Each structure stands twice: as C-alpha cells, then as structure tokens.
Amino acid sequence: MPALYNVIRRPLITEKSMGAKETEGTLVFEVAPNATKTEVKQAVELLFKVKVATIRTATMAGKERRRGRFTGFRPDWKKAFVRLKSGEKMPEYVNSL
C-alpha cells in the first residue's frame, strides 16, 4: 500500500462537506487520482483510527484558467466521500472548526 499521505492529500472543508459531516457522518477528502476505494478506506482507518462503512469517489474535471490571451487547464483531481460506521467519533480536524 502506498504511503498514507500520498493517498489522502487533504480534507475538503467547505460548507457542503461540513453539512454532510453533521447530517450524514460523512468526511470529504481530496485523494490521489489513481487511488482506489480500498486504499482510501485503509488510509482513513489507519490515520484516524475509525471504522469506515462506505466510500464514494468522484473525479472532478480541471477548470479552464486564463492569463490574458493564454489559456490552460488546472489538473483533474479526485474527491472521496467517506461515511463512517454509526457510533464512530469524528476526527479532531473536523471538530476544531
């Protein structure tokens, strides 16, 4: 298994992800584009010491960006929605906001 921090890049802390955390018990992470659901599950369980119920992933297309007359694209990236089993405590990075 690759290093944990190569699989999970960063937590996504947005209004939508905080709402999912409160209502559904779901955490949202930016993950490596080639990471599988199994790798994400193992990384979350080892890193935060919680049990994962389900994982959904979505590949987000990079946006077009312009600098004057020059155009380019941001890179594509992958998002993972991790639902914890019922009764599991949320990790500290989310509770401290």
C-alpha atoms as a PDB file:
ATOM      1  CA  MET A   1       0.000   0.000   0.000  1.00  0.00           C
ATOM      2  CA  PRO A   2       1.361   3.471  -0.827  1.00  0.00           C
ATOM      3  CA  ALA A   3       2.129   5.941   1.953  1.00  0.00           C
ATOM      4  CA  LEU A   4      -0.987   7.238   3.695  1.00  0.00           C
ATOM      5  CA  TYR A   5      -0.394  10.882   2.872  1.00  0.00           C
ATOM      6  CA  ASN A   6       0.117  10.040  -0.799  1.00  0.00           C
ATOM      7  CA  VAL A   7      -3.386   8.537  -0.875  1.00  0.00           C
ATOM      8  CA  ILE A   8      -5.180  11.223   1.168  1.00  0.00           C
ATOM      9  CA  ARG A   9      -3.995  14.639   0.071  1.00  0.00           C
ATOM     10  CA  ARG A  10      -6.129  16.918   2.277  1.00  0.00           C
ATOM     11  CA  PRO A  11      -9.563  17.208   3.834  1.00  0.00           C
ATOM     12  CA  LEU A  12     -12.036  19.349   1.929  1.00  0.00           C
ATOM     13  CA  ILE A  13     -13.536  21.803   4.395  1.00  0.00           C
ATOM     14  CA  THR A  14     -16.391  23.536   2.620  1.00  0.00           C
ATOM     15  CA  GLU A  15     -19.928  24.446   3.552  1.00  0.00           C
ATOM     16  CA  LYS A  16     -21.264  21.424   1.687  1.00  0.00           C
ATOM     17  CA  SER A  17     -18.800  18.984   3.260  1.00  0.00           C
ATOM     18  CA  MET A  18     -19.465  20.321   6.761  1.00  0.00           C
ATOM     19  CA  GLY A  19     -23.195  19.807   6.177  1.00  0.00           C
ATOM     20  CA  ALA A  20     -22.533  16.216   5.094  1.00  0.00           C
ATOM     21  CA  LYS A  21     -20.443  15.692   8.221  1.00  0.00           C
ATOM     22  CA  GLU A  22     -23.206  16.934  10.501  1.00  0.00           C
ATOM     23  CA  THR A  23     -26.166  15.183   8.873  1.00  0.00           C
ATOM     24  CA  GLU A  24     -24.703  12.012   7.332  1.00  0.00           C
ATOM     25  CA  GLY A  25     -21.493  11.328   9.265  1.00  0.00           C
ATOM     26  CA  THR A  26     -19.525  11.677   6.028  1.00  0.00           C
ATOM     27  CA  LEU A  27     -16.000  13.063   5.634  1.00  0.00           C
ATOM     28  CA  VAL A  28     -14.760  14.519   2.348  1.00  0.00           C
ATOM     29  CA  PHE A  29     -11.130  14.275   1.192  1.00  0.00           C
ATOM     30  CA  GLU A  30      -9.085  15.128  -1.851  1.00  0.00           C
ATOM     31  CA  VAL A  31      -7.297  11.915  -2.772  1.00  0.00           C
ATOM     32  CA  ALA A  32      -4.715  10.856  -5.331  1.00  0.00           C
ATOM     33  CA  PRO A  33      -6.229  10.444  -8.808  1.00  0.00           C
ATOM     34  CA  ASN A  34      -5.053   6.824  -9.053  1.00  0.00           C
ATOM     35  CA  ALA A  35      -6.157   5.840  -5.519  1.00  0.00           C
ATOM     36  CA  THR A  36      -8.687   3.020  -5.256  1.00  0.00           C
ATOM     37  CA  LYS A  37     -11.566   2.827  -2.796  1.00  0.00           C
ATOM     38  CA  THR A  38      -9.760   0.076  -0.883  1.00  0.00           C
ATOM     39  CA  GLU A  39      -6.625   2.210  -0.495  1.00  0.00           C
ATOM     40  CA  VAL A  40      -8.684   5.200   0.669  1.00  0.00           C
ATOM     41  CA  LYS A  41     -10.544   3.034   3.199  1.00  0.00           C
ATOM     42  CA  GLN A  42      -7.311   1.599   4.626  1.00  0.00           C
ATOM     43  CA  ALA A  43      -5.685   5.026   4.811  1.00  0.00           C
ATOM     44  CA  VAL A  44      -8.636   6.622   6.644  1.00  0.00           C
ATOM     45  CA  GLU A  45      -8.916   3.727   9.095  1.00  0.00           C
ATOM     46  CA  LEU A  46      -5.189   3.790   9.891  1.00  0.00           C
ATOM     47  CA  LEU A  47      -4.849   7.560  10.006  1.00  0.00           C
ATOM     48  CA  PHE A  48      -7.921   8.434  12.093  1.00  0.00           C
ATOM     49  CA  LYS A  49      -8.490   5.074  13.862  1.00  0.00           C
ATOM     50  CA  VAL A  50     -12.159   4.821  12.852  1.00  0.00           C
ATOM     51  CA  LYS A  51     -14.242   2.223  11.011  1.00  0.00           C
ATOM     52  CA  VAL A  52     -15.433   3.087   7.502  1.00  0.00           C
ATOM     53  CA  ALA A  53     -18.858   1.980   6.269  1.00  0.00           C
ATOM     54  CA  THR A  54     -18.856   3.125   2.614  1.00  0.00           C
ATOM     55  CA  ILE A  55     -16.808   5.191   0.182  1.00  0.00           C
ATOM     56  CA  ARG A  56     -17.943   7.098  -2.899  1.00  0.00           C
ATOM     57  CA  THR A  57     -15.467   8.719  -5.257  1.00  0.00           C
ATOM     58  CA  ALA A  58     -15.811  11.352  -7.945  1.00  0.00           C
ATOM     59  CA  THR A  59     -13.279  12.567 -10.487  1.00  0.00           C
ATOM     60  CA  MET A  60     -13.513  16.331 -10.874  1.00  0.00           C
ATOM     61  CA  ALA A  61     -12.502  17.898 -14.178  1.00  0.00           C
ATOM     62  CA  GLY A  62      -9.944  20.698 -14.048  1.00  0.00           C
ATOM     63  CA  LYS A  63     -11.235  24.185 -14.794  1.00  0.00           C
ATOM     64  CA  GLU A  64     -10.032  26.360 -17.640  1.00  0.00           C
ATOM     65  CA  ARG A  65      -7.901  29.272 -16.465  1.00  0.00           C
ATOM     66  CA  ARG A  66      -6.741  32.301 -18.443  1.00  0.00           C
ATOM     67  CA  ARG A  67      -3.813  34.678 -18.090  1.00  0.00           C
ATOM     68  CA  GLY A  68      -4.533  37.373 -20.605  1.00  0.00           C
ATOM     69  CA  ARG A  69      -4.679  35.726 -24.002  1.00  0.00           C
ATOM     70  CA  PHE A  70      -3.110  32.472 -22.792  1.00  0.00           C
ATOM     71  CA  THR A  71      -5.392  29.656 -21.685  1.00  0.00           C
ATOM     72  CA  GLY A  72      -4.722  26.479 -19.807  1.00  0.00           C
ATOM     73  CA  PHE A  73      -6.375  23.950 -17.558  1.00  0.00           C
ATOM     74  CA  ARG A  74      -5.983  23.106 -13.916  1.00  0.00           C
ATOM     75  CA  PRO A  75      -5.299  19.410 -13.369  1.00  0.00           C
ATOM     76  CA  ASP A  76      -8.103  16.903 -12.824  1.00  0.00           C
ATOM     77  CA  TRP A  77      -8.495  15.719  -9.236  1.00  0.00           C
ATOM     78  CA  LYS A  78     -10.377  13.101  -7.274  1.00  0.00           C
ATOM     79  CA  LYS A  79     -12.735  13.530  -4.329  1.00  0.00           C
ATOM     80  CA  ALA A  80     -13.722  10.805  -1.844  1.00  0.00           C
ATOM     81  CA  PHE A  81     -16.814  10.811   0.364  1.00  0.00           C
ATOM     82  CA  VAL A  82     -16.106   8.563   3.359  1.00  0.00           C
ATOM     83  CA  ARG A  83     -19.076   7.529   5.509  1.00  0.00           C
ATOM     84  CA  LEU A  84     -18.176   6.293   8.974  1.00  0.00           C
ATOM     85  CA  LYS A  85     -19.987   3.474  10.717  1.00  0.00           C
ATOM     86  CA  SER A  86     -22.642   4.545  13.195  1.00  0.00           C
ATOM     87  CA  GLY A  87     -21.261   5.278  16.642  1.00  0.00           C
ATOM     88  CA  GLU A  88     -17.813   6.287  15.378  1.00  0.00           C
ATOM     89  CA  LYS A  89     -16.344   9.552  16.655  1.00  0.00           C
ATOM     90  CA  MET A  90     -15.488  12.246  14.102  1.00  0.00           C
ATOM     91  CA  PRO A  91     -11.759  13.013  13.706  1.00  0.00           C
ATOM     92  CA  GLU A  92     -10.382  16.053  15.545  1.00  0.00           C
ATOM     93  CA  TYR A  93      -9.569  18.159  12.463  1.00  0.00           C
ATOM     94  CA  VAL A  94     -13.303  18.490  11.784  1.00  0.00           C
ATOM     95  CA  ASN A  95     -14.374  19.137  15.389  1.00  0.00           C
ATOM     96  CA  SER A  96     -11.957  22.024  15.921  1.00  0.00           C
ATOM     97  CA  LEU A  97     -13.617  24.326  13.357  1.00  0.00           C
END
